[in-house]
Amino acid sequence: MKRLLLIAVAAVGLVAAEPAPAPDRPLPDAAQEARAKRLFADIRCVVCQHEAIADSPAGLAADMRGLVREQIAAGRTDQAIREDLVRRYGDFVLFTPPVRAGTWLLWFGPFFVVLIAGVGLLVFALRRRVEVPALSPEEEARLADILLEGQLRRDPDAKRSDD
């Protein structure tokens, strides 16, 4: 029974595996291909999320590379290509998303967190400490008597090395 279950799981894994992407076909013009490679480095793979489409082995990254090459061959500008990718996949597709209302938290959030933490630490450090009042003459005399008479109660669990 276990063997049958393992075979079924393996079969599902093989069926669900993504097929290998078609090999990239570089542009015939070397200048256009260099421009495409510069764009590939600035565009994030939406599957891998931490890799540029130039380095990603995912099928979607291969499709995105093909799309960029097609648009370069069609004469579109780099900015127009980026805008088209943002329209399709959102700001996340760019490694450096634009600064606008929707991305302010992304750009300036870490600075606000550091600023708030700094203000909190400053307030904590500058907060007035509670002054402990000095001992009255009677309290000082009583403390001196206790110390002189040895009336301090020793800890019954203490060892000689703890003294």
Protein backbone atom coordinates (compact mmCIF):
# COMPACT_ATOMS: atom_id res chain seq x y z
CA MET A 1 0.00 0.00 0.00
CA LYS A 2 2.84 2.38 0.89
CA ARG A 3 4.59 1.55 -2.36
CA LEU A 4 1.47 2.38 -4.37
CA LEU A 5 1.11 5.70 -2.52
CA LEU A 6 4.74 6.61 -3.22
CA ILE A 7 4.33 5.78 -6.91
CA ALA A 8 1.20 7.94 -7.09
CA VAL A 9 2.95 10.89 -5.41
CA ALA A 10 5.94 10.55 -7.75
CA ALA A 11 3.65 10.42 -10.78
CA VAL A 12 1.82 13.57 -9.69
CA GLY A 13 5.19 15.29 -9.16
CA LEU A 14 6.34 14.37 -12.65
CA VAL A 15 3.11 15.54 -14.25
CA ALA A 16 3.09 18.81 -12.30
CA ALA A 17 6.74 19.62 -13.10
CA GLU A 18 7.26 22.60 -15.35
CA PRO A 19 8.57 21.71 -18.78
CA ALA A 20 11.97 23.05 -19.74
CA PRO A 21 11.78 26.44 -21.46
CA ALA A 22 12.67 26.78 -25.11
CA PRO A 23 16.24 27.92 -25.68
CA ASP A 24 16.74 31.66 -25.99
CA ARG A 25 17.21 33.05 -29.49
CA PRO A 26 19.43 36.16 -29.35
CA LEU A 27 18.71 39.14 -31.54
CA PRO A 28 20.75 39.31 -34.78
CA ASP A 29 21.93 42.86 -34.03
CA ALA A 30 24.65 42.82 -31.33
CA ALA A 31 23.73 46.32 -30.08
CA GLN A 32 20.09 45.30 -29.63
CA GLU A 33 21.11 42.09 -27.85
CA ALA A 34 23.37 44.07 -25.49
CA ARG A 35 20.46 46.42 -24.79
CA ALA A 36 18.22 43.40 -24.11
CA LYS A 37 20.75 41.94 -21.67
CA ARG A 38 20.93 45.26 -19.79
CA LEU A 39 17.15 45.19 -19.48
CA PHE A 40 17.18 41.54 -18.37
CA ALA A 41 19.36 42.50 -15.40
CA ASP A 42 16.82 45.14 -14.25
CA ILE A 43 13.73 42.93 -14.52
CA ARG A 44 12.80 40.55 -11.71
CA CYS A 45 11.53 37.05 -12.40
CA VAL A 46 8.03 36.88 -10.94
CA VAL A 47 8.43 33.15 -10.29
CA CYS A 48 11.84 33.16 -8.60
CA GLN A 49 11.31 36.62 -7.06
CA HIS A 50 14.97 37.11 -6.15
CA GLU A 51 16.57 36.60 -9.53
CA ALA A 52 16.74 38.70 -12.64
CA ILE A 53 15.16 37.16 -15.73
CA ALA A 54 18.68 36.92 -17.18
CA ASP A 55 19.63 34.35 -14.50
CA SER A 56 16.31 32.59 -13.94
CA PRO A 57 15.71 29.10 -15.35
CA ALA A 58 11.91 29.46 -15.01
CA GLY A 59 9.75 29.15 -18.10
CA LEU A 60 8.04 32.47 -17.39
CA ALA A 61 11.43 34.19 -17.27
CA ALA A 62 12.22 32.75 -20.71
CA ASP A 63 8.88 34.08 -21.96
CA MET A 64 9.68 37.50 -20.49
CA ARG A 65 13.11 37.49 -22.18
CA GLY A 66 11.43 36.65 -25.48
CA LEU A 67 8.91 39.45 -24.96
CA VAL A 68 11.66 41.98 -24.25
CA ARG A 69 13.56 40.87 -27.35
CA GLU A 70 10.41 41.17 -29.49
CA GLN A 71 9.75 44.67 -28.22
CA ILE A 72 13.34 45.75 -28.81
CA ALA A 73 13.18 44.36 -32.34
CA ALA A 74 9.94 46.32 -32.83
CA GLY A 75 11.80 49.53 -31.94
CA ARG A 76 10.26 50.27 -28.53
CA THR A 77 12.24 52.27 -25.97
CA ASP A 78 13.54 50.80 -22.73
CA GLN A 79 11.08 52.93 -20.77
CA ALA A 80 8.14 51.70 -22.90
CA ILE A 81 9.24 48.10 -22.36
CA ARG A 82 9.45 48.61 -18.59
CA GLU A 83 6.02 50.27 -18.55
CA ASP A 84 4.53 47.36 -20.47
CA LEU A 85 6.01 44.86 -18.01
CA VAL A 86 4.73 46.89 -15.05
CA ARG A 87 1.29 46.97 -16.67
CA ARG A 88 1.36 43.18 -17.00
CA TYR A 89 3.04 42.16 -13.72
CA GLY A 90 2.95 45.21 -11.42
CA ASP A 91 5.76 47.27 -9.87
CA PHE A 92 7.24 44.11 -8.36
CA VAL A 93 8.70 43.13 -11.74
CA LEU A 94 11.28 45.95 -11.50
CA PHE A 95 14.21 45.68 -9.11
CA THR A 96 13.99 49.45 -8.60
CA PRO A 97 10.27 50.31 -8.53
CA PRO A 98 9.25 53.92 -9.23
CA VAL A 99 8.73 56.38 -6.38
CA ARG A 100 5.02 57.15 -6.25
CA ALA A 101 2.18 57.06 -3.73
CA GLY A 102 1.82 53.28 -3.93
CA THR A 103 5.50 52.63 -3.26
CA TRP A 104 6.28 55.26 -0.61
CA LEU A 105 6.18 52.69 2.16
CA LEU A 106 8.63 50.53 0.22
CA TRP A 107 11.05 53.41 -0.35
CA PHE A 108 10.72 55.40 2.87
CA GLY A 109 9.34 52.86 5.36
CA PRO A 110 12.74 51.70 6.63
CA PHE A 111 13.78 55.32 7.29
CA PHE A 112 10.58 55.94 9.26
CA VAL A 113 11.13 52.79 11.32
CA VAL A 114 14.70 53.87 12.16
CA LEU A 115 13.49 57.40 12.96
CA ILE A 116 10.72 56.16 15.26
CA ALA A 117 13.11 53.76 17.01
CA GLY A 118 15.65 56.58 17.48
CA VAL A 119 13.03 58.92 18.92
CA GLY A 120 11.83 56.15 21.24
CA LEU A 121 15.37 55.49 22.46
CA LEU A 122 15.99 59.21 22.92
CA VAL A 123 12.80 59.63 24.96
CA PHE A 124 13.71 56.59 27.04
CA ALA A 125 17.24 57.90 27.67
CA LEU A 126 16.13 61.42 28.53
CA ARG A 127 13.31 60.37 30.82
CA ARG A 128 13.98 61.58 34.36
CA ARG A 129 15.18 58.91 36.67
CA VAL A 130 13.43 58.60 40.02
CA GLU A 131 15.65 60.06 42.71
CA VAL A 132 15.99 57.85 45.75
CA PRO A 133 15.81 60.02 48.89
CA ALA A 134 18.81 59.95 51.19
CA LEU A 135 18.59 58.02 54.46
CA SER A 136 17.48 59.99 57.49
CA PRO A 137 19.92 60.22 60.41
CA GLU A 138 17.84 57.64 62.33
CA GLU A 139 17.95 55.21 59.37
CA GLU A 140 21.71 55.66 59.00
CA ALA A 141 22.24 54.97 62.70
CA ARG A 142 20.06 51.84 62.55
CA LEU A 143 21.97 50.58 59.47
CA ALA A 144 25.29 51.16 61.22
CA ASP A 145 24.07 49.21 64.27
CA ILE A 146 22.95 46.29 62.12
CA LEU A 147 26.29 46.18 60.33
CA LEU A 148 28.31 46.39 63.54
CA GLU A 149 26.31 43.82 65.48
CA GLY A 150 26.37 41.29 62.66
CA GLN A 151 22.62 40.86 62.79
CA LEU A 152 22.50 40.10 59.13
CA ARG A 153 20.68 36.86 58.56
CA ARG A 154 22.76 34.57 56.41
CA ASP A 155 21.15 32.69 53.59
CA PRO A 156 20.69 29.14 54.84
CA ASP A 157 21.40 27.77 51.37
CA ALA A 158 24.56 29.84 50.89
CA LYS A 159 27.96 28.18 50.72
CA ARG A 160 31.13 29.62 52.07
CA SER A 161 32.20 30.55 48.52
CA ASP A 162 29.06 32.75 48.17
CA ASP A 163 30.14 35.11 50.98
